[in-house]
Amino acid sequence: EFEPVFNAMLENAVRICEAKFGILYLCQDEQFLVVAMHGAPAAWTVRPAGCTVQVARFRFMPAIRIVDDEPGNLALLNNLLGGKYRVKVASSGAQALRLASEAPLPDAILLDVMMPGVDGYEVCRRLKANAGTRDIPVIFLTAKSEIEDAERGFEAGGSDYITKPILPPVVLARVETHVSLKVARDYLKGGTWT
């Protein structure tokens, strides 16, 4: 519907990525940085330079890994996130570690804590120790609701902690937030997007 606008005032506009949120553009000057993304109006007027960025809608699906040893939880989360993300599921910590390194690398991992064998805390520690996976946000999804459990998750390197039973709007909002943050961090590091 809207064509991206590139004119003399937007010579510094750089296409970041096509996320599920729509196409993202960065307009950069010495004084400001603006990213047009999900929920943005069709055009943003950026001050002080006064350039305008228009948003074109495209479909891109970030990759998500869901790790839980309960098939019902995997099905619920896959149904919730499958229309918005490329989902791969794992039912064990060992399988999660393998999937985390497969292309396309995930943009976020939803990880249960209590699993047989390698638990979620240990999976997260191993992911954070690996240079190839350390920047992937890990969102713990668990029935463990004590403050000490959440602290342990954050100490292991987790980015967020959601207790079960889940509230779908909360899961959707937090996943979207962490994926958006990862995309922005990848851009600032000069990375690429899958």
C-alpha atoms as a PDB file:
ATOM      1  CA  GLU A   1       0.000   0.000   0.000  1.00  0.00           C
ATOM      2  CA  PHE A   2       2.734   2.456   0.926  1.00  0.00           C
ATOM      3  CA  GLU A   3       5.941   2.558  -1.020  1.00  0.00           C
ATOM      4  CA  PRO A   4       9.104   3.253   0.945  1.00  0.00           C
ATOM      5  CA  VAL A   5      10.162   6.857   0.476  1.00  0.00           C
ATOM      6  CA  PHE A   6      13.797   7.490  -0.368  1.00  0.00           C
ATOM      7  CA  ASN A   7      14.671  11.087  -1.189  1.00  0.00           C
ATOM      8  CA  ALA A   8      17.558  13.433  -0.524  1.00  0.00           C
ATOM      9  CA  MET A   9      16.489  13.794   3.092  1.00  0.00           C
ATOM     10  CA  LEU A  10      16.513  10.023   3.506  1.00  0.00           C
ATOM     11  CA  GLU A  11      19.924   9.212   2.064  1.00  0.00           C
ATOM     12  CA  ASN A  12      20.870   7.899   5.472  1.00  0.00           C
ATOM     13  CA  ALA A  13      17.765   5.703   5.720  1.00  0.00           C
ATOM     14  CA  VAL A  14      18.801   2.075   5.929  1.00  0.00           C
ATOM     15  CA  ARG A  15      16.539  -0.901   5.618  1.00  0.00           C
ATOM     16  CA  ILE A  16      17.013  -2.984   8.739  1.00  0.00           C
ATOM     17  CA  CYS A  17      14.865  -6.014   8.209  1.00  0.00           C
ATOM     18  CA  GLU A  18      11.445  -7.292   7.320  1.00  0.00           C
ATOM     19  CA  ALA A  19       9.989  -8.474  10.605  1.00  0.00           C
ATOM     20  CA  LYS A  20       6.563  -9.805  11.248  1.00  0.00           C
ATOM     21  CA  PHE A  21       5.811  -6.295  12.416  1.00  0.00           C
ATOM     22  CA  GLY A  22       6.194  -4.818   8.928  1.00  0.00           C
ATOM     23  CA  ILE A  23       9.202  -3.486   7.143  1.00  0.00           C
ATOM     24  CA  LEU A  24      11.579  -1.595   9.370  1.00  0.00           C
ATOM     25  CA  TYR A  25      13.658   1.390   8.389  1.00  0.00           C
ATOM     26  CA  LEU A  26      16.290   3.243  10.305  1.00  0.00           C
ATOM     27  CA  CYS A  27      16.624   6.948   9.783  1.00  0.00           C
ATOM     28  CA  GLN A  28      19.800   8.132  11.413  1.00  0.00           C
ATOM     29  CA  ASP A  29      21.391  11.497  12.021  1.00  0.00           C
ATOM     30  CA  GLU A  30      23.879  12.752  14.599  1.00  0.00           C
ATOM     31  CA  GLN A  31      21.010  13.687  16.889  1.00  0.00           C
ATOM     32  CA  PHE A  32      18.405  10.956  16.497  1.00  0.00           C
ATOM     33  CA  LEU A  33      17.554   7.394  15.598  1.00  0.00           C
ATOM     34  CA  VAL A  34      14.054   6.325  14.589  1.00  0.00           C
ATOM     35  CA  VAL A  35      12.791   2.886  13.716  1.00  0.00           C
ATOM     36  CA  ALA A  36       9.386   2.538  12.070  1.00  0.00           C
ATOM     37  CA  MET A  37       7.817  -0.736  13.123  1.00  0.00           C
ATOM     38  CA  HIS A  38       4.699  -2.535  14.297  1.00  0.00           C
ATOM     39  CA  GLY A  39       1.911  -0.229  15.314  1.00  0.00           C
ATOM     40  CA  ALA A  40       3.592   2.773  13.751  1.00  0.00           C
ATOM     41  CA  PRO A  41       1.460   5.123  11.715  1.00  0.00           C
ATOM     42  CA  ALA A  42       1.832   4.910   7.952  1.00  0.00           C
ATOM     43  CA  ALA A  43       4.285   7.795   8.072  1.00  0.00           C
ATOM     44  CA  TRP A  44       6.397   9.205  10.854  1.00  0.00           C
ATOM     45  CA  THR A  45       7.751  12.722  10.659  1.00  0.00           C
ATOM     46  CA  VAL A  46      11.124  12.724  12.290  1.00  0.00           C
ATOM     47  CA  ARG A  47      12.465  15.816  14.016  1.00  0.00           C
ATOM     48  CA  PRO A  48      14.763  17.729  13.989  1.00  0.00           C
ATOM     49  CA  ALA A  49      15.690  16.789  10.423  1.00  0.00           C
ATOM     50  CA  GLY A  50      12.064  16.610   9.322  1.00  0.00           C
ATOM     51  CA  CYS A  51      12.396  13.537   7.098  1.00  0.00           C
ATOM     52  CA  THR A  52       9.446  11.194   6.682  1.00  0.00           C
ATOM     53  CA  VAL A  53       9.557   7.415   6.757  1.00  0.00           C
ATOM     54  CA  GLN A  54       6.651   5.503   5.264  1.00  0.00           C
ATOM     55  CA  VAL A  55       6.032   1.902   6.171  1.00  0.00           C
ATOM     56  CA  ALA A  56       5.368  -0.880   3.691  1.00  0.00           C
ATOM     57  CA  ARG A  57       3.905  -4.105   5.093  1.00  0.00           C
ATOM     58  CA  PHE A  58       5.682  -7.334   4.303  1.00  0.00           C
ATOM     59  CA  ARG A  59       5.558 -10.743   5.947  1.00  0.00           C
ATOM     60  CA  PHE A  60       8.656 -12.096   7.608  1.00  0.00           C
ATOM     61  CA  MET A  61       8.519 -14.690  10.329  1.00  0.00           C
ATOM     62  CA  PRO A  62      11.210 -14.712  13.003  1.00  0.00           C
ATOM     63  CA  ALA A  63      12.320 -18.125  14.233  1.00  0.00           C
ATOM     64  CA  ILE A  64      11.301 -19.375  17.673  1.00  0.00           C
ATOM     65  CA  ARG A  65      12.220 -22.532  19.580  1.00  0.00           C
ATOM     66  CA  ILE A  66       9.811 -23.933  22.183  1.00  0.00           C
ATOM     67  CA  VAL A  67      11.210 -26.420  24.682  1.00  0.00           C
ATOM     68  CA  ASP A  68       8.949 -28.368  27.030  1.00  0.00           C
ATOM     69  CA  ASP A  69       8.700 -32.042  27.973  1.00  0.00           C
ATOM     70  CA  GLU A  70       4.873 -31.887  28.103  1.00  0.00           C
ATOM     71  CA  PRO A  71       3.287 -32.502  24.667  1.00  0.00           C
ATOM     72  CA  GLY A  72       0.192 -30.501  25.664  1.00  0.00           C
ATOM     73  CA  ASN A  73       2.299 -27.425  26.450  1.00  0.00           C
ATOM     74  CA  LEU A  74       4.180 -27.769  23.162  1.00  0.00           C
ATOM     75  CA  ALA A  75       0.890 -27.995  21.242  1.00  0.00           C
ATOM     76  CA  LEU A  76      -0.598 -24.991  23.085  1.00  0.00           C
ATOM     77  CA  LEU A  77       2.434 -22.772  22.484  1.00  0.00           C
ATOM     78  CA  ASN A  78       2.853 -23.954  18.895  1.00  0.00           C
ATOM     79  CA  ASN A  79      -0.789 -23.042  18.203  1.00  0.00           C
ATOM     80  CA  LEU A  80      -0.367 -19.673  19.911  1.00  0.00           C
ATOM     81  CA  LEU A  81       2.877 -18.687  18.157  1.00  0.00           C
ATOM     82  CA  GLY A  82       2.822 -20.725  14.936  1.00  0.00           C
ATOM     83  CA  GLY A  83       0.973 -18.142  12.850  1.00  0.00           C
ATOM     84  CA  LYS A  84       3.412 -15.371  13.736  1.00  0.00           C
ATOM     85  CA  TYR A  85       6.733 -17.214  14.005  1.00  0.00           C
ATOM     86  CA  ARG A  86       8.616 -20.114  12.421  1.00  0.00           C
ATOM     87  CA  VAL A  87       8.342 -22.546  15.302  1.00  0.00           C
ATOM     88  CA  LYS A  88      10.444 -25.608  16.033  1.00  0.00           C
ATOM     89  CA  VAL A  89       9.760 -27.626  19.160  1.00  0.00           C
ATOM     90  CA  ALA A  90      11.956 -29.738  21.404  1.00  0.00           C
ATOM     91  CA  SER A  91      10.932 -32.032  24.231  1.00  0.00           C
ATOM     92  CA  SER A  92      14.288 -32.265  26.037  1.00  0.00           C
ATOM     93  CA  GLY A  93      17.236 -30.107  26.995  1.00  0.00           C
ATOM     94  CA  ALA A  94      19.608 -32.054  24.752  1.00  0.00           C
ATOM     95  CA  GLN A  95      17.283 -31.626  21.768  1.00  0.00           C
ATOM     96  CA  ALA A  96      16.937 -27.917  22.589  1.00  0.00           C
ATOM     97  CA  LEU A  97      20.700 -27.425  22.450  1.00  0.00           C
ATOM     98  CA  ARG A  98      20.834 -29.053  18.999  1.00  0.00           C
ATOM     99  CA  LEU A  99      17.892 -26.999  17.656  1.00  0.00           C
ATOM    100  CA  ALA A 100      19.331 -23.749  18.995  1.00  0.00           C
ATOM    101  CA  SER A 101      22.307 -24.092  16.651  1.00  0.00           C
ATOM    102  CA  GLU A 102      20.311 -25.022  13.532  1.00  0.00           C
ATOM    103  CA  ALA A 103      19.753 -22.475  10.784  1.00  0.00           C
ATOM    104  CA  PRO A 104      17.917 -20.285  10.837  1.00  0.00           C
ATOM    105  CA  LEU A 105      19.129 -19.440  14.316  1.00  0.00           C
ATOM    106  CA  PRO A 106      16.235 -18.684  16.625  1.00  0.00           C
ATOM    107  CA  ASP A 107      15.289 -15.123  17.505  1.00  0.00           C
ATOM    108  CA  ALA A 108      14.032 -16.341  20.895  1.00  0.00           C
ATOM    109  CA  ILE A 109      13.777 -19.563  22.874  1.00  0.00           C
ATOM    110  CA  LEU A 110      10.871 -20.386  25.189  1.00  0.00           C
ATOM    111  CA  LEU A 111      12.282 -22.815  27.707  1.00  0.00           C
ATOM    112  CA  ASP A 112      10.675 -24.948  30.400  1.00  0.00           C
ATOM    113  CA  VAL A 113      12.706 -25.342  33.584  1.00  0.00           C
ATOM    114  CA  MET A 114      11.672 -28.784  34.827  1.00  0.00           C
ATOM    115  CA  MET A 115      12.676 -31.419  32.289  1.00  0.00           C
ATOM    116  CA  PRO A 116      14.255 -34.847  32.673  1.00  0.00           C
ATOM    117  CA  GLY A 117      17.971 -34.980  32.009  1.00  0.00           C
ATOM    118  CA  VAL A 118      19.296 -31.496  31.339  1.00  0.00           C
ATOM    119  CA  ASP A 119      17.006 -28.957  33.030  1.00  0.00           C
ATOM    120  CA  GLY A 120      16.151 -25.536  31.619  1.00  0.00           C
ATOM    121  CA  TYR A 121      18.628 -23.652  33.812  1.00  0.00           C
ATOM    122  CA  GLU A 122      21.500 -25.800  32.544  1.00  0.00           C
ATOM    123  CA  VAL A 123      20.318 -25.474  28.925  1.00  0.00           C
ATOM    124  CA  CYS A 124      20.338 -21.695  29.327  1.00  0.00           C
ATOM    125  CA  ARG A 125      23.824 -21.688  30.887  1.00  0.00           C
ATOM    126  CA  ARG A 126      25.161 -23.766  27.975  1.00  0.00           C
ATOM    127  CA  LEU A 127      23.476 -21.512  25.402  1.00  0.00           C
ATOM    128  CA  LYS A 128      25.018 -18.429  27.038  1.00  0.00           C
ATOM    129  CA  ALA A 129      28.456 -20.085  27.148  1.00  0.00           C
ATOM    130  CA  ASN A 130      28.356 -20.741  23.379  1.00  0.00           C
ATOM    131  CA  ALA A 131      29.420 -17.794  21.197  1.00  0.00           C
ATOM    132  CA  GLY A 132      26.963 -18.825  18.480  1.00  0.00           C
ATOM    133  CA  THR A 133      23.903 -18.837  20.752  1.00  0.00           C
ATOM    134  CA  ARG A 134      24.704 -16.455  23.610  1.00  0.00           C
ATOM    135  CA  ASP A 135      22.751 -13.537  22.124  1.00  0.00           C
ATOM    136  CA  ILE A 136      19.496 -15.477  21.695  1.00  0.00           C
ATOM    137  CA  PRO A 137      16.947 -14.329  24.288  1.00  0.00           C
ATOM    138  CA  VAL A 138      15.786 -17.147  26.549  1.00  0.00           C
ATOM    139  CA  ILE A 139      12.318 -16.794  28.036  1.00  0.00           C
ATOM    140  CA  PHE A 140      11.650 -19.277  30.809  1.00  0.00           C
ATOM    141  CA  LEU A 141       8.111 -20.709  30.870  1.00  0.00           C
ATOM    142  CA  THR A 142       7.629 -22.687  34.042  1.00  0.00           C
ATOM    143  CA  ALA A 143       5.333 -23.712  36.866  1.00  0.00           C
ATOM    144  CA  LYS A 144       8.102 -22.760  39.306  1.00  0.00           C
ATOM    145  CA  SER A 145       6.778 -19.488  40.693  1.00  0.00           C
ATOM    146  CA  GLU A 146       8.976 -18.716  43.701  1.00  0.00           C
ATOM    147  CA  ILE A 147      11.182 -15.622  43.654  1.00  0.00           C
ATOM    148  CA  GLU A 148      14.254 -17.839  44.069  1.00  0.00           C
ATOM    149  CA  ASP A 149      13.304 -19.753  40.918  1.00  0.00           C
ATOM    150  CA  ALA A 150      13.091 -16.562  38.862  1.00  0.00           C
ATOM    151  CA  GLU A 151      16.402 -15.337  40.310  1.00  0.00           C
ATOM    152  CA  ARG A 152      18.009 -18.628  39.351  1.00  0.00           C
ATOM    153  CA  GLY A 153      16.648 -18.246  35.811  1.00  0.00           C
ATOM    154  CA  PHE A 154      18.070 -14.743  35.446  1.00  0.00           C
ATOM    155  CA  GLU A 155      21.407 -15.845  36.940  1.00  0.00           C
ATOM    156  CA  ALA A 156      21.547 -18.625  34.306  1.00  0.00           C
ATOM    157  CA  GLY A 157      21.219 -15.946  31.609  1.00  0.00           C
ATOM    158  CA  GLY A 158      17.469 -15.840  31.027  1.00  0.00           C
ATOM    159  CA  SER A 159      15.934 -12.706  29.524  1.00  0.00           C
ATOM    160  CA  ASP A 160      12.458 -13.175  30.975  1.00  0.00           C
ATOM    161  CA  TYR A 161      10.490 -15.480  33.251  1.00  0.00           C
ATOM    162  CA  ILE A 162       6.822 -16.379  32.712  1.00  0.00           C
ATOM    163  CA  THR A 163       4.946 -18.643  35.101  1.00  0.00           C
ATOM    164  CA  LYS A 164       2.402 -21.279  34.120  1.00  0.00           C
ATOM    165  CA  PRO A 165      -0.460 -21.434  33.579  1.00  0.00           C
ATOM    166  CA  ILE A 166       0.342 -19.011  30.806  1.00  0.00           C
ATOM    167  CA  LEU A 167      -1.738 -16.032  29.735  1.00  0.00           C
ATOM    168  CA  PRO A 168      -1.603 -15.958  25.918  1.00  0.00           C
ATOM    169  CA  PRO A 169      -1.518 -12.121  25.623  1.00  0.00           C
ATOM    170  CA  VAL A 170       1.415 -12.019  28.058  1.00  0.00           C
ATOM    171  CA  VAL A 171       3.361 -14.667  26.138  1.00  0.00           C
ATOM    172  CA  LEU A 172       2.685 -12.937  22.805  1.00  0.00           C
ATOM    173  CA  ALA A 173       3.721  -9.524  24.142  1.00  0.00           C
ATOM    174  CA  ARG A 174       6.904 -10.760  25.765  1.00  0.00           C
ATOM    175  CA  VAL A 175       7.986 -12.814  22.766  1.00  0.00           C
ATOM    176  CA  GLU A 176       7.365  -9.857  20.463  1.00  0.00           C
ATOM    177  CA  THR A 177       9.345  -7.571  22.781  1.00  0.00           C
ATOM    178  CA  HIS A 178      12.364  -9.880  22.982  1.00  0.00           C
ATOM    179  CA  VAL A 179      12.363 -10.591  19.239  1.00  0.00           C
ATOM    180  CA  SER A 180      12.213  -6.834  18.507  1.00  0.00           C
ATOM    181  CA  LEU A 181      15.090  -6.179  20.898  1.00  0.00           C
ATOM    182  CA  LYS A 182      17.175  -8.935  19.327  1.00  0.00           C
ATOM    183  CA  VAL A 183      16.576  -7.528  15.838  1.00  0.00           C
ATOM    184  CA  ALA A 184      17.694  -4.085  17.006  1.00  0.00           C
ATOM    185  CA  ARG A 185      20.778  -5.489  18.766  1.00  0.00           C
ATOM    186  CA  ASP A 186      21.701  -7.527  15.683  1.00  0.00           C
ATOM    187  CA  TYR A 187      21.455  -4.377  13.561  1.00  0.00           C
ATOM    188  CA  LEU A 188      23.624  -2.353  15.915  1.00  0.00           C
ATOM    189  CA  LYS A 189      26.235  -5.135  15.850  1.00  0.00           C
ATOM    190  CA  GLY A 190      26.136  -5.144  12.043  1.00  0.00           C
ATOM    191  CA  GLY A 191      24.541  -8.573  11.952  1.00  0.00           C
ATOM    192  CA  THR A 192      22.166 -10.129   9.483  1.00  0.00           C
ATOM    193  CA  TRP A 193      18.586 -11.292   9.761  1.00  0.00           C
ATOM    194  CA  THR A 194      17.085 -14.647   8.899  1.00  0.00           C
END
